[in-house]
Amino acid sequence: MPDDHRPGLFARLAWSAAAGALLAAVLFLIPLPYIILGPGAAIDLSRAITVQGRATPPTPVYLTDVSLLPGRPAYYLVARILPGFEVLRRQAVVPRGMSDRQLEAELGDAMRESQINAQIVAERAAGLAVKTLGEFIVTRVLPNSPATRCLKVADVVRAVNGRPLARPDTLIHAAQSRPPGATFVLDIMRHEHPHRVTCLTYRYRGAARFGIVGTFRMRPVQLPVHVTFHLPDVNGSSAGLMFALQIYRVLTGTDVTAAGALAGTGVLAPDGTVHAVEGAREKIRAAVRAGAAVFLVPAENYPEVAKTPGIRIIPVRTFAQALAALAPHATGAAHAGSS
């Protein structure tokens, strides 16, 4: 009878389902020591950034990004087979022990910091008075260092011996200004409350150090102009340069697109320095697909993209250098990709 075959059919279906689930688990759940960079998009910042009380010029200025995929067998195989992907060793770009969820959260924080840095740099370049406060956030206290007796993870250092942290290297320069074992007074925030602590330095790898690891950020105390960001799901710090250019051109009316639609990438520090990014090749491909005529890239990344055809490439080290290269009268600043 037909019903006699049902147990065997159900068993085969069950085994097929189990095999499919196992294959999916292998392809999408087993972690590999890689990060996959995939083709990204070009986002028109003339639609994504609003500067209060100012009209936005119509010519596009593009932020370019990449698709960041976790190291899983499925994505790894795709990246090895299809063009437009890049495979990076995870340890080269992600701190040891950081999970995918923690990485996503950190990239979100980096995006917010890039927006703040862009406002600081652009508004200052436009001649506006911007008041800022430098902060060093402690992420690690080195074992057996004097810092274990005065600082904790998540402490925010704001001044050393009464001197505000104006630059990322202020603490390093202060420590090295005196012999190891010297005493310094640090103004910190701990659990949102101000404290004043006394810390000693010690000799670490041949130089005087406090014995802390962390990140520096510049927090605006006063931004003269309010800027609003309307972005899709984009994270990371590499948009800072293009954010600042868009804000600056809206504030000043400066034509940064005299040579045509502009795209680019670059991590922007509060002092206007442009730092390297990951995924420069994927980002310039997105710019070409969007029809951009010019692509700004950190000077450190220029060798990666120098031979890209169909677009003019400008390597920059600072925001001021980018403005000078984009000025309508500028000549010789841009490098044409080979065809």
C-alpha atoms as a PDB file:
ATOM      1  CA  MET A   1       0.000   0.000   0.000  1.00  0.00           C
ATOM      2  CA  PRO A   2       1.142   3.621  -0.587  1.00  0.00           C
ATOM      3  CA  ASP A   3       1.207   4.322   3.144  1.00  0.00           C
ATOM      4  CA  ASP A   4       3.943   1.667   3.575  1.00  0.00           C
ATOM      5  CA  HIS A   5       6.501   4.008   1.921  1.00  0.00           C
ATOM      6  CA  ARG A   6       5.828   6.991   4.176  1.00  0.00           C
ATOM      7  CA  PRO A   7       8.189   6.074   7.041  1.00  0.00           C
ATOM      8  CA  GLY A   8      11.101   5.762   4.598  1.00  0.00           C
ATOM      9  CA  LEU A   9      10.201   9.014   2.865  1.00  0.00           C
ATOM     10  CA  PHE A  10       9.946  10.859   6.158  1.00  0.00           C
ATOM     11  CA  ALA A  11      13.304   9.471   7.229  1.00  0.00           C
ATOM     12  CA  ARG A  12      14.975  10.628   4.015  1.00  0.00           C
ATOM     13  CA  LEU A  13      13.427  14.080   4.377  1.00  0.00           C
ATOM     14  CA  ALA A  14      14.583  14.264   7.981  1.00  0.00           C
ATOM     15  CA  TRP A  15      18.122  13.269   7.026  1.00  0.00           C
ATOM     16  CA  SER A  16      18.125  15.800   4.163  1.00  0.00           C
ATOM     17  CA  ALA A  17      16.939  18.547   6.493  1.00  0.00           C
ATOM     18  CA  ALA A  18      19.563  17.625   9.069  1.00  0.00           C
ATOM     19  CA  ALA A  19      22.300  17.600   6.418  1.00  0.00           C
ATOM     20  CA  GLY A  20      21.151  20.987   5.131  1.00  0.00           C
ATOM     21  CA  ALA A  21      21.128  22.435   8.632  1.00  0.00           C
ATOM     22  CA  LEU A  22      24.600  21.045   9.271  1.00  0.00           C
ATOM     23  CA  LEU A  23      25.920  22.494   5.998  1.00  0.00           C
ATOM     24  CA  ALA A  24      24.390  25.888   6.799  1.00  0.00           C
ATOM     25  CA  ALA A  25      25.966  25.780  10.252  1.00  0.00           C
ATOM     26  CA  VAL A  26      29.358  24.976   8.757  1.00  0.00           C
ATOM     27  CA  LEU A  27      29.104  27.739   6.124  1.00  0.00           C
ATOM     28  CA  PHE A  28      27.662  30.542   8.241  1.00  0.00           C
ATOM     29  CA  LEU A  29      28.464  29.829  11.895  1.00  0.00           C
ATOM     30  CA  ILE A  30      32.014  28.472  12.094  1.00  0.00           C
ATOM     31  CA  PRO A  31      34.359  31.454  12.614  1.00  0.00           C
ATOM     32  CA  LEU A  32      37.502  31.865  10.529  1.00  0.00           C
ATOM     33  CA  PRO A  33      40.414  34.192  11.416  1.00  0.00           C
ATOM     34  CA  TYR A  34      39.494  36.641   8.655  1.00  0.00           C
ATOM     35  CA  ILE A  35      37.477  39.775   7.959  1.00  0.00           C
ATOM     36  CA  ILE A  36      35.887  40.047   4.501  1.00  0.00           C
ATOM     37  CA  LEU A  37      35.611  43.414   2.774  1.00  0.00           C
ATOM     38  CA  GLY A  38      33.024  43.434   0.019  1.00  0.00           C
ATOM     39  CA  PRO A  39      31.789  45.920  -2.579  1.00  0.00           C
ATOM     40  CA  GLY A  40      30.360  49.009  -0.942  1.00  0.00           C
ATOM     41  CA  ALA A  41      28.188  51.938  -1.947  1.00  0.00           C
ATOM     42  CA  ALA A  42      28.586  55.622  -2.691  1.00  0.00           C
ATOM     43  CA  ILE A  43      26.302  57.782  -0.535  1.00  0.00           C
ATOM     44  CA  ASP A  44      25.516  61.320  -1.676  1.00  0.00           C
ATOM     45  CA  LEU A  45      26.211  63.552   1.320  1.00  0.00           C
ATOM     46  CA  SER A  46      24.305  66.459  -0.202  1.00  0.00           C
ATOM     47  CA  ARG A  47      21.227  64.471   0.812  1.00  0.00           C
ATOM     48  CA  ALA A  48      22.626  62.920   3.984  1.00  0.00           C
ATOM     49  CA  ILE A  49      23.911  66.032   5.812  1.00  0.00           C
ATOM     50  CA  THR A  50      21.883  69.089   6.776  1.00  0.00           C
ATOM     51  CA  VAL A  51      23.554  72.254   8.057  1.00  0.00           C
ATOM     52  CA  GLN A  52      21.134  74.418   9.982  1.00  0.00           C
ATOM     53  CA  GLY A  53      20.117  77.559   8.114  1.00  0.00           C
ATOM     54  CA  ARG A  54      22.260  76.826   5.045  1.00  0.00           C
ATOM     55  CA  ALA A  55      21.373  75.710   1.519  1.00  0.00           C
ATOM     56  CA  THR A  56      23.049  72.581   0.160  1.00  0.00           C
ATOM     57  CA  PRO A  57      24.820  72.747  -3.234  1.00  0.00           C
ATOM     58  CA  PRO A  58      23.396  70.221  -5.718  1.00  0.00           C
ATOM     59  CA  THR A  59      26.612  68.651  -7.086  1.00  0.00           C
ATOM     60  CA  PRO A  60      27.205  65.292  -5.384  1.00  0.00           C
ATOM     61  CA  VAL A  61      29.880  64.707  -2.777  1.00  0.00           C
ATOM     62  CA  TYR A  62      30.063  60.988  -2.090  1.00  0.00           C
ATOM     63  CA  LEU A  63      30.983  59.050   1.000  1.00  0.00           C
ATOM     64  CA  THR A  64      32.219  55.618  -0.070  1.00  0.00           C
ATOM     65  CA  ASP A  65      32.026  52.584   2.174  1.00  0.00           C
ATOM     66  CA  VAL A  66      32.582  48.832   2.137  1.00  0.00           C
ATOM     67  CA  SER A  67      30.505  45.830   3.115  1.00  0.00           C
ATOM     68  CA  LEU A  68      32.082  44.322   6.215  1.00  0.00           C
ATOM     69  CA  LEU A  69      31.393  40.589   6.417  1.00  0.00           C
ATOM     70  CA  PRO A  70      32.349  38.249   9.252  1.00  0.00           C
ATOM     71  CA  GLY A  71      34.938  35.549   8.709  1.00  0.00           C
ATOM     72  CA  ARG A  72      32.704  32.597   7.843  1.00  0.00           C
ATOM     73  CA  PRO A  73      33.326  29.838   5.272  1.00  0.00           C
ATOM     74  CA  ALA A  74      30.488  31.001   2.997  1.00  0.00           C
ATOM     75  CA  TYR A  75      31.738  34.585   2.772  1.00  0.00           C
ATOM     76  CA  TYR A  76      35.357  33.439   2.502  1.00  0.00           C
ATOM     77  CA  LEU A  77      34.536  31.234  -0.500  1.00  0.00           C
ATOM     78  CA  VAL A  78      32.612  34.047  -2.202  1.00  0.00           C
ATOM     79  CA  ALA A  79      35.515  36.448  -1.634  1.00  0.00           C
ATOM     80  CA  ARG A  80      37.978  33.992  -3.169  1.00  0.00           C
ATOM     81  CA  ILE A  81      35.810  33.311  -6.211  1.00  0.00           C
ATOM     82  CA  LEU A  82      34.252  36.682  -7.107  1.00  0.00           C
ATOM     83  CA  PRO A  83      36.076  39.939  -7.900  1.00  0.00           C
ATOM     84  CA  GLY A  84      35.641  43.015  -5.749  1.00  0.00           C
ATOM     85  CA  PHE A  85      36.297  41.361  -2.375  1.00  0.00           C
ATOM     86  CA  GLU A  86      39.290  41.527  -0.068  1.00  0.00           C
ATOM     87  CA  VAL A  87      40.246  39.046   2.656  1.00  0.00           C
ATOM     88  CA  LEU A  88      42.124  40.443   5.663  1.00  0.00           C
ATOM     89  CA  ARG A  89      43.613  38.655   8.636  1.00  0.00           C
ATOM     90  CA  ARG A  90      41.295  39.422  11.526  1.00  0.00           C
ATOM     91  CA  GLN A  91      44.148  40.041  13.953  1.00  0.00           C
ATOM     92  CA  ALA A  92      45.478  42.772  11.644  1.00  0.00           C
ATOM     93  CA  VAL A  93      42.348  44.933  11.995  1.00  0.00           C
ATOM     94  CA  VAL A  94      40.465  43.684  15.084  1.00  0.00           C
ATOM     95  CA  PRO A  95      41.858  43.604  18.648  1.00  0.00           C
ATOM     96  CA  ARG A  96      42.432  40.097  19.955  1.00  0.00           C
ATOM     97  CA  GLY A  97      39.412  38.682  21.776  1.00  0.00           C
ATOM     98  CA  MET A  98      36.887  41.150  20.339  1.00  0.00           C
ATOM     99  CA  SER A  99      33.643  39.486  19.213  1.00  0.00           C
ATOM    100  CA  ASP A 100      31.666  40.399  16.089  1.00  0.00           C
ATOM    101  CA  ARG A 101      29.077  42.120  18.288  1.00  0.00           C
ATOM    102  CA  GLN A 102      31.745  44.134  20.097  1.00  0.00           C
ATOM    103  CA  LEU A 103      33.299  45.061  16.752  1.00  0.00           C
ATOM    104  CA  GLU A 104      29.957  46.314  15.481  1.00  0.00           C
ATOM    105  CA  ALA A 105      29.500  48.435  18.611  1.00  0.00           C
ATOM    106  CA  GLU A 106      33.004  49.877  18.272  1.00  0.00           C
ATOM    107  CA  LEU A 107      32.403  50.745  14.620  1.00  0.00           C
ATOM    108  CA  GLY A 108      29.226  52.537  15.633  1.00  0.00           C
ATOM    109  CA  ASP A 109      31.177  54.576  18.185  1.00  0.00           C
ATOM    110  CA  ALA A 110      33.809  55.321  15.547  1.00  0.00           C
ATOM    111  CA  MET A 111      31.137  56.650  13.187  1.00  0.00           C
ATOM    112  CA  ARG A 112      29.807  59.026  15.831  1.00  0.00           C
ATOM    113  CA  GLU A 113      33.331  60.209  16.611  1.00  0.00           C
ATOM    114  CA  SER A 114      34.010  60.798  12.899  1.00  0.00           C
ATOM    115  CA  GLN A 115      30.942  63.032  12.708  1.00  0.00           C
ATOM    116  CA  ILE A 116      32.114  65.078  15.693  1.00  0.00           C
ATOM    117  CA  ASN A 117      35.657  65.401  14.318  1.00  0.00           C
ATOM    118  CA  ALA A 118      34.277  66.482  10.944  1.00  0.00           C
ATOM    119  CA  GLN A 119      32.210  69.236  12.530  1.00  0.00           C
ATOM    120  CA  ILE A 120      35.176  70.467  14.569  1.00  0.00           C
ATOM    121  CA  VAL A 121      37.524  70.567  11.567  1.00  0.00           C
ATOM    122  CA  ALA A 122      35.016  72.003   9.071  1.00  0.00           C
ATOM    123  CA  GLU A 123      33.657  74.719  11.338  1.00  0.00           C
ATOM    124  CA  ARG A 124      37.152  75.793  12.379  1.00  0.00           C
ATOM    125  CA  ALA A 125      38.275  75.864   8.747  1.00  0.00           C
ATOM    126  CA  ALA A 126      35.254  78.041   7.994  1.00  0.00           C
ATOM    127  CA  GLY A 127      36.489  80.578  10.546  1.00  0.00           C
ATOM    128  CA  LEU A 128      34.006  79.766  13.305  1.00  0.00           C
ATOM    129  CA  ALA A 129      34.961  79.642  16.998  1.00  0.00           C
ATOM    130  CA  VAL A 130      34.904  76.001  18.139  1.00  0.00           C
ATOM    131  CA  LYS A 131      35.657  75.126  21.758  1.00  0.00           C
ATOM    132  CA  THR A 132      36.812  71.562  22.414  1.00  0.00           C
ATOM    133  CA  LEU A 133      37.982  69.376  25.275  1.00  0.00           C
ATOM    134  CA  GLY A 134      40.508  66.569  24.750  1.00  0.00           C
ATOM    135  CA  GLU A 135      39.960  63.289  26.588  1.00  0.00           C
ATOM    136  CA  PHE A 136      41.967  60.074  26.921  1.00  0.00           C
ATOM    137  CA  ILE A 137      39.747  57.073  27.686  1.00  0.00           C
ATOM    138  CA  VAL A 138      41.616  54.307  29.504  1.00  0.00           C
ATOM    139  CA  THR A 139      40.912  50.908  27.948  1.00  0.00           C
ATOM    140  CA  ARG A 140      43.676  48.960  29.684  1.00  0.00           C
ATOM    141  CA  VAL A 141      45.966  49.398  32.677  1.00  0.00           C
ATOM    142  CA  LEU A 142      49.241  47.516  32.241  1.00  0.00           C
ATOM    143  CA  PRO A 143      49.899  44.936  34.986  1.00  0.00           C
ATOM    144  CA  ASN A 144      52.622  45.841  37.491  1.00  0.00           C
ATOM    145  CA  SER A 145      52.649  49.454  36.331  1.00  0.00           C
ATOM    146  CA  PRO A 146      52.236  52.418  38.727  1.00  0.00           C
ATOM    147  CA  ALA A 147      48.947  53.171  36.980  1.00  0.00           C
ATOM    148  CA  THR A 148      47.325  50.207  38.766  1.00  0.00           C
ATOM    149  CA  ARG A 149      47.412  52.336  41.939  1.00  0.00           C
ATOM    150  CA  CYS A 150      45.771  55.433  40.490  1.00  0.00           C
ATOM    151  CA  LEU A 151      43.735  54.633  37.370  1.00  0.00           C
ATOM    152  CA  LYS A 152      41.028  52.190  36.279  1.00  0.00           C
ATOM    153  CA  VAL A 153      39.623  51.027  32.968  1.00  0.00           C
ATOM    154  CA  ALA A 154      37.004  53.524  31.669  1.00  0.00           C
ATOM    155  CA  ASP A 155      38.605  56.463  33.490  1.00  0.00           C
ATOM    156  CA  VAL A 156      38.644  59.597  31.326  1.00  0.00           C
ATOM    157  CA  VAL A 157      41.815  61.682  31.653  1.00  0.00           C
ATOM    158  CA  ARG A 158      41.274  65.353  30.853  1.00  0.00           C
ATOM    159  CA  ALA A 159      44.400  67.129  32.106  1.00  0.00           C
ATOM    160  CA  VAL A 160      47.938  66.422  33.288  1.00  0.00           C
ATOM    161  CA  ASN A 161      49.452  68.826  35.843  1.00  0.00           C
ATOM    162  CA  GLY A 162      46.640  71.229  35.021  1.00  0.00           C
ATOM    163  CA  ARG A 163      47.373  71.153  31.302  1.00  0.00           C
ATOM    164  CA  PRO A 164      44.400  70.113  29.112  1.00  0.00           C
ATOM    165  CA  LEU A 165      44.932  67.277  26.649  1.00  0.00           C
ATOM    166  CA  ALA A 166      45.154  69.240  23.430  1.00  0.00           C
ATOM    167  CA  ARG A 167      46.573  66.391  21.329  1.00  0.00           C
ATOM    168  CA  PRO A 168      46.563  62.576  21.321  1.00  0.00           C
ATOM    169  CA  ASP A 169      50.227  62.564  22.388  1.00  0.00           C
ATOM    170  CA  THR A 170      49.939  65.066  25.272  1.00  0.00           C
ATOM    171  CA  LEU A 171      50.147  62.347  27.939  1.00  0.00           C
ATOM    172  CA  ILE A 172      53.114  60.680  26.238  1.00  0.00           C
ATOM    173  CA  HIS A 173      55.031  63.949  25.961  1.00  0.00           C
ATOM    174  CA  ALA A 174      54.275  64.797  29.594  1.00  0.00           C
ATOM    175  CA  ALA A 175      55.552  61.416  30.812  1.00  0.00           C
ATOM    176  CA  GLN A 176      58.726  61.693  28.738  1.00  0.00           C
ATOM    177  CA  SER A 177      59.415  65.250  29.849  1.00  0.00           C
ATOM    178  CA  ARG A 178      60.734  63.927  33.175  1.00  0.00           C
ATOM    179  CA  PRO A 179      62.674  60.831  34.263  1.00  0.00           C
ATOM    180  CA  PRO A 180      60.834  57.580  35.113  1.00  0.00           C
ATOM    181  CA  GLY A 181      59.462  57.711  38.646  1.00  0.00           C
ATOM    182  CA  ALA A 182      58.281  61.319  38.367  1.00  0.00           C
ATOM    183  CA  THR A 183      54.950  62.305  39.904  1.00  0.00           C
ATOM    184  CA  PHE A 184      52.084  63.802  37.909  1.00  0.00           C
ATOM    185  CA  VAL A 185      48.617  65.022  38.874  1.00  0.00           C
ATOM    186  CA  LEU A 186      45.867  63.863  36.514  1.00  0.00           C
ATOM    187  CA  ASP A 187      42.364  65.319  36.336  1.00  0.00           C
ATOM    188  CA  ILE A 188      39.989  62.490  35.476  1.00  0.00           C
ATOM    189  CA  MET A 189      36.323  61.595  35.252  1.00  0.00           C
ATOM    190  CA  ARG A 190      35.331  58.329  36.913  1.00  0.00           C
ATOM    191  CA  HIS A 191      31.709  57.182  36.749  1.00  0.00           C
ATOM    192  CA  GLU A 192      30.808  60.725  35.602  1.00  0.00           C
ATOM    193  CA  HIS A 193      32.370  62.306  38.704  1.00  0.00           C
ATOM    194  CA  PRO A 194      35.538  64.446  38.666  1.00  0.00           C
ATOM    195  CA  HIS A 195      38.613  63.220  40.545  1.00  0.00           C
ATOM    196  CA  ARG A 196      42.192  64.341  40.920  1.00  0.00           C
ATOM    197  CA  VAL A 197      44.722  61.518  41.221  1.00  0.00           C
ATOM    198  CA  THR A 198      48.488  61.371  41.638  1.00  0.00           C
ATOM    199  CA  CYS A 199      50.320  58.946  39.325  1.00  0.00           C
ATOM    200  CA  LEU A 200      53.938  57.944  38.916  1.00  0.00           C
ATOM    201  CA  THR A 201      55.630  57.028  35.670  1.00  0.00           C
ATOM    202  CA  TYR A 202      57.970  54.069  35.178  1.00  0.00           C
ATOM    203  CA  ARG A 203      60.398  52.820  32.578  1.00  0.00           C
ATOM    204  CA  TYR A 204      58.578  50.818  29.906  1.00  0.00           C
ATOM    205  CA  ARG A 205      60.354  49.709  26.728  1.00  0.00           C
ATOM    206  CA  GLY A 206      63.108  52.212  27.299  1.00  0.00           C
ATOM    207  CA  ALA A 207      60.969  55.297  27.974  1.00  0.00           C
ATOM    208  CA  ALA A 208      58.962  56.910  30.762  1.00  0.00           C
ATOM    209  CA  ARG A 209      55.316  55.849  30.627  1.00  0.00           C
ATOM    210  CA  PHE A 210      52.208  55.933  32.799  1.00  0.00           C
ATOM    211  CA  GLY A 211      51.347  52.332  31.950  1.00  0.00           C
ATOM    212  CA  ILE A 212      47.950  52.842  30.359  1.00  0.00           C
ATOM    213  CA  VAL A 213      46.451  52.085  26.957  1.00  0.00           C
ATOM    214  CA  GLY A 214      43.464  53.922  25.564  1.00  0.00           C
ATOM    215  CA  THR A 215      41.916  56.105  22.918  1.00  0.00           C
ATOM    216  CA  PHE A 216      41.948  59.861  22.480  1.00  0.00           C
ATOM    217  CA  ARG A 217      38.932  61.852  21.452  1.00  0.00           C
ATOM    218  CA  MET A 218      38.113  65.504  21.102  1.00  0.00           C
ATOM    219  CA  ARG A 219      34.780  66.419  22.634  1.00  0.00           C
ATOM    220  CA  PRO A 220      33.179  69.660  21.456  1.00  0.00           C
ATOM    221  CA  VAL A 221      32.211  72.025  24.232  1.00  0.00           C
ATOM    222  CA  GLN A 222      30.626  74.421  21.775  1.00  0.00           C
ATOM    223  CA  LEU A 223      29.837  73.965  18.075  1.00  0.00           C
ATOM    224  CA  PRO A 224      28.565  77.214  16.527  1.00  0.00           C
ATOM    225  CA  VAL A 225      26.466  75.508  13.826  1.00  0.00           C
ATOM    226  CA  HIS A 226      24.167  72.533  14.264  1.00  0.00           C
ATOM    227  CA  VAL A 227      24.697  69.692  11.771  1.00  0.00           C
ATOM    228  CA  THR A 228      22.330  66.751  11.292  1.00  0.00           C
ATOM    229  CA  PHE A 229      23.301  63.429   9.716  1.00  0.00           C
ATOM    230  CA  HIS A 230      20.731  61.266   7.888  1.00  0.00           C
ATOM    231  CA  LEU A 231      22.717  58.158   7.026  1.00  0.00           C
ATOM    232  CA  PRO A 232      21.820  54.577   6.172  1.00  0.00           C
ATOM    233  CA  ASP A 233      23.463  51.691   8.010  1.00  0.00           C
ATOM    234  CA  VAL A 234      27.068  52.924   7.755  1.00  0.00           C
ATOM    235  CA  ASN A 235      29.657  52.490  10.504  1.00  0.00           C
ATOM    236  CA  GLY A 236      33.358  53.105  11.037  1.00  0.00           C
ATOM    237  CA  SER A 237      35.629  56.133  11.098  1.00  0.00           C
ATOM    238  CA  SER A 238      36.656  56.435   7.442  1.00  0.00           C
ATOM    239  CA  ALA A 239      33.935  58.937   6.489  1.00  0.00           C
ATOM    240  CA  GLY A 240      35.387  61.847   8.466  1.00  0.00           C
ATOM    241  CA  LEU A 241      37.175  63.570   5.582  1.00  0.00           C
ATOM    242  CA  MET A 242      34.139  63.569   3.307  1.00  0.00           C
ATOM    243  CA  PHE A 243      31.803  64.646   6.122  1.00  0.00           C
ATOM    244  CA  ALA A 244      34.051  67.638   6.775  1.00  0.00           C
ATOM    245  CA  LEU A 245      34.255  68.616   3.103  1.00  0.00           C
ATOM    246  CA  GLN A 246      30.489  68.548   2.746  1.00  0.00           C
ATOM    247  CA  ILE A 247      29.953  70.621   5.907  1.00  0.00           C
ATOM    248  CA  TYR A 248      32.653  73.091   4.877  1.00  0.00           C
ATOM    249  CA  ARG A 249      31.291  73.663   1.382  1.00  0.00           C
ATOM    250  CA  VAL A 250      27.795  74.263   2.755  1.00  0.00           C
ATOM    251  CA  LEU A 251      29.107  76.719   5.378  1.00  0.00           C
ATOM    252  CA  THR A 252      31.350  78.687   3.029  1.00  0.00           C
ATOM    253  CA  GLY A 253      29.877  78.204  -0.429  1.00  0.00           C
ATOM    254  CA  THR A 254      33.281  76.963  -1.611  1.00  0.00           C
ATOM    255  CA  ASP A 255      33.114  74.934  -4.811  1.00  0.00           C
ATOM    256  CA  VAL A 256      34.928  71.667  -4.074  1.00  0.00           C
ATOM    257  CA  THR A 257      33.375  69.973  -7.098  1.00  0.00           C
ATOM    258  CA  ALA A 258      34.803  72.155  -9.863  1.00  0.00           C
ATOM    259  CA  ALA A 259      36.197  69.050 -11.583  1.00  0.00           C
ATOM    260  CA  GLY A 260      32.929  67.132 -11.242  1.00  0.00           C
ATOM    261  CA  ALA A 261      31.312  64.847  -8.688  1.00  0.00           C
ATOM    262  CA  LEU A 262      33.642  64.205  -5.747  1.00  0.00           C
ATOM    263  CA  ALA A 263      34.108  61.002  -3.743  1.00  0.00           C
ATOM    264  CA  GLY A 264      36.643  59.863  -1.222  1.00  0.00           C
ATOM    265  CA  THR A 265      37.585  58.332   2.090  1.00  0.00           C
ATOM    266  CA  GLY A 266      39.815  59.125   5.049  1.00  0.00           C
ATOM    267  CA  VAL A 267      39.870  59.002   8.836  1.00  0.00           C
ATOM    268  CA  LEU A 268      39.917  62.608  10.054  1.00  0.00           C
ATOM    269  CA  ALA A 269      41.560  63.610  13.336  1.00  0.00           C
ATOM    270  CA  PRO A 270      40.375  66.711  15.234  1.00  0.00           C
ATOM    271  CA  ASP A 271      43.530  68.564  14.146  1.00  0.00           C
ATOM    272  CA  GLY A 272      42.701  67.954  10.462  1.00  0.00           C
ATOM    273  CA  THR A 273      45.174  65.130   9.870  1.00  0.00           C
ATOM    274  CA  VAL A 274      43.938  62.462   7.438  1.00  0.00           C
ATOM    275  CA  HIS A 275      44.755  58.863   8.395  1.00  0.00           C
ATOM    276  CA  ALA A 276      44.669  55.598   6.458  1.00  0.00           C
ATOM    277  CA  VAL A 277      41.599  53.404   5.962  1.00  0.00           C
ATOM    278  CA  GLU A 278      40.845  49.767   5.240  1.00  0.00           C
ATOM    279  CA  GLY A 279      39.196  48.781   1.971  1.00  0.00           C
ATOM    280  CA  ALA A 280      40.462  51.619  -0.229  1.00  0.00           C
ATOM    281  CA  ARG A 281      40.182  49.446  -3.357  1.00  0.00           C
ATOM    282  CA  GLU A 282      36.552  48.578  -2.677  1.00  0.00           C
ATOM    283  CA  LYS A 283      35.742  52.217  -1.964  1.00  0.00           C
ATOM    284  CA  ILE A 284      37.220  53.582  -5.170  1.00  0.00           C
ATOM    285  CA  ARG A 285      35.253  50.963  -7.139  1.00  0.00           C
ATOM    286  CA  ALA A 286      32.084  52.327  -5.526  1.00  0.00           C
ATOM    287  CA  ALA A 287      33.130  55.847  -6.546  1.00  0.00           C
ATOM    288  CA  VAL A 288      33.675  54.794 -10.156  1.00  0.00           C
ATOM    289  CA  ARG A 289      30.295  53.041 -10.270  1.00  0.00           C
ATOM    290  CA  ALA A 290      28.641  56.227  -8.980  1.00  0.00           C
ATOM    291  CA  GLY A 291      30.225  58.298 -11.756  1.00  0.00           C
ATOM    292  CA  ALA A 292      32.542  60.361  -9.543  1.00  0.00           C
ATOM    293  CA  ALA A 293      35.220  62.323 -11.386  1.00  0.00           C
ATOM    294  CA  VAL A 294      37.627  62.779  -8.461  1.00  0.00           C
ATOM    295  CA  PHE A 295      38.553  60.498  -5.559  1.00  0.00           C
ATOM    296  CA  LEU A 296      40.319  61.683  -2.391  1.00  0.00           C
ATOM    297  CA  VAL A 297      42.391  59.058  -0.594  1.00  0.00           C
ATOM    298  CA  PRO A 298      44.768  59.143   2.380  1.00  0.00           C
ATOM    299  CA  ALA A 299      48.351  59.359   1.132  1.00  0.00           C
ATOM    300  CA  GLU A 300      49.146  56.084   2.918  1.00  0.00           C
ATOM    301  CA  ASN A 301      46.521  54.283   0.817  1.00  0.00           C
ATOM    302  CA  TYR A 302      47.450  55.870  -2.505  1.00  0.00           C
ATOM    303  CA  PRO A 303      49.650  52.969  -3.738  1.00  0.00           C
ATOM    304  CA  GLU A 304      46.660  50.617  -3.386  1.00  0.00           C
ATOM    305  CA  VAL A 305      44.485  52.588  -5.807  1.00  0.00           C
ATOM    306  CA  ALA A 306      46.928  54.575  -7.940  1.00  0.00           C
ATOM    307  CA  LYS A 307      46.311  52.518 -11.088  1.00  0.00           C
ATOM    308  CA  THR A 308      42.510  52.584 -10.931  1.00  0.00           C
ATOM    309  CA  PRO A 309      41.228  53.678 -14.375  1.00  0.00           C
ATOM    310  CA  GLY A 310      38.436  56.128 -15.071  1.00  0.00           C
ATOM    311  CA  ILE A 311      38.865  58.537 -12.152  1.00  0.00           C
ATOM    312  CA  ARG A 312      41.307  61.212 -10.953  1.00  0.00           C
ATOM    313  CA  ILE A 313      42.926  60.337  -7.647  1.00  0.00           C
ATOM    314  CA  ILE A 314      44.201  62.883  -5.119  1.00  0.00           C
ATOM    315  CA  PRO A 315      46.295  61.643  -2.176  1.00  0.00           C
ATOM    316  CA  VAL A 316      46.052  63.902   0.893  1.00  0.00           C
ATOM    317  CA  ARG A 317      47.530  64.057   4.379  1.00  0.00           C
ATOM    318  CA  THR A 318      45.450  66.890   5.846  1.00  0.00           C
ATOM    319  CA  PHE A 319      42.075  68.559   5.422  1.00  0.00           C
ATOM    320  CA  ALA A 320      43.812  71.788   4.397  1.00  0.00           C
ATOM    321  CA  GLN A 321      45.687  69.914   1.682  1.00  0.00           C
ATOM    322  CA  ALA A 322      42.408  68.494   0.381  1.00  0.00           C
ATOM    323  CA  LEU A 323      40.895  71.987   0.181  1.00  0.00           C
ATOM    324  CA  ALA A 324      43.926  73.312  -1.668  1.00  0.00           C
ATOM    325  CA  ALA A 325      43.869  70.440  -4.162  1.00  0.00           C
ATOM    326  CA  LEU A 326      40.160  70.924  -4.845  1.00  0.00           C
ATOM    327  CA  ALA A 327      40.330  74.678  -5.347  1.00  0.00           C
ATOM    328  CA  PRO A 328      39.161  75.620  -8.876  1.00  0.00           C
ATOM    329  CA  HIS A 329      42.564  77.136  -9.683  1.00  0.00           C
ATOM    330  CA  ALA A 330      44.573  74.161  -8.387  1.00  0.00           C
ATOM    331  CA  THR A 331      46.724  72.389 -10.978  1.00  0.00           C
ATOM    332  CA  GLY A 332      48.907  69.344 -10.771  1.00  0.00           C
ATOM    333  CA  ALA A 333      47.424  68.094  -7.507  1.00  0.00           C
ATOM    334  CA  ALA A 334      45.399  65.282  -9.000  1.00  0.00           C
ATOM    335  CA  HIS A 335      46.826  62.031 -10.345  1.00  0.00           C
ATOM    336  CA  ALA A 336      44.953  60.289 -13.124  1.00  0.00           C
ATOM    337  CA  GLY A 337      44.549  56.549 -12.825  1.00  0.00           C
ATOM    338  CA  SER A 338      45.995  54.488 -15.652  1.00  0.00           C
ATOM    339  CA  SER A 339      43.704  53.294 -18.393  1.00  0.00           C
END
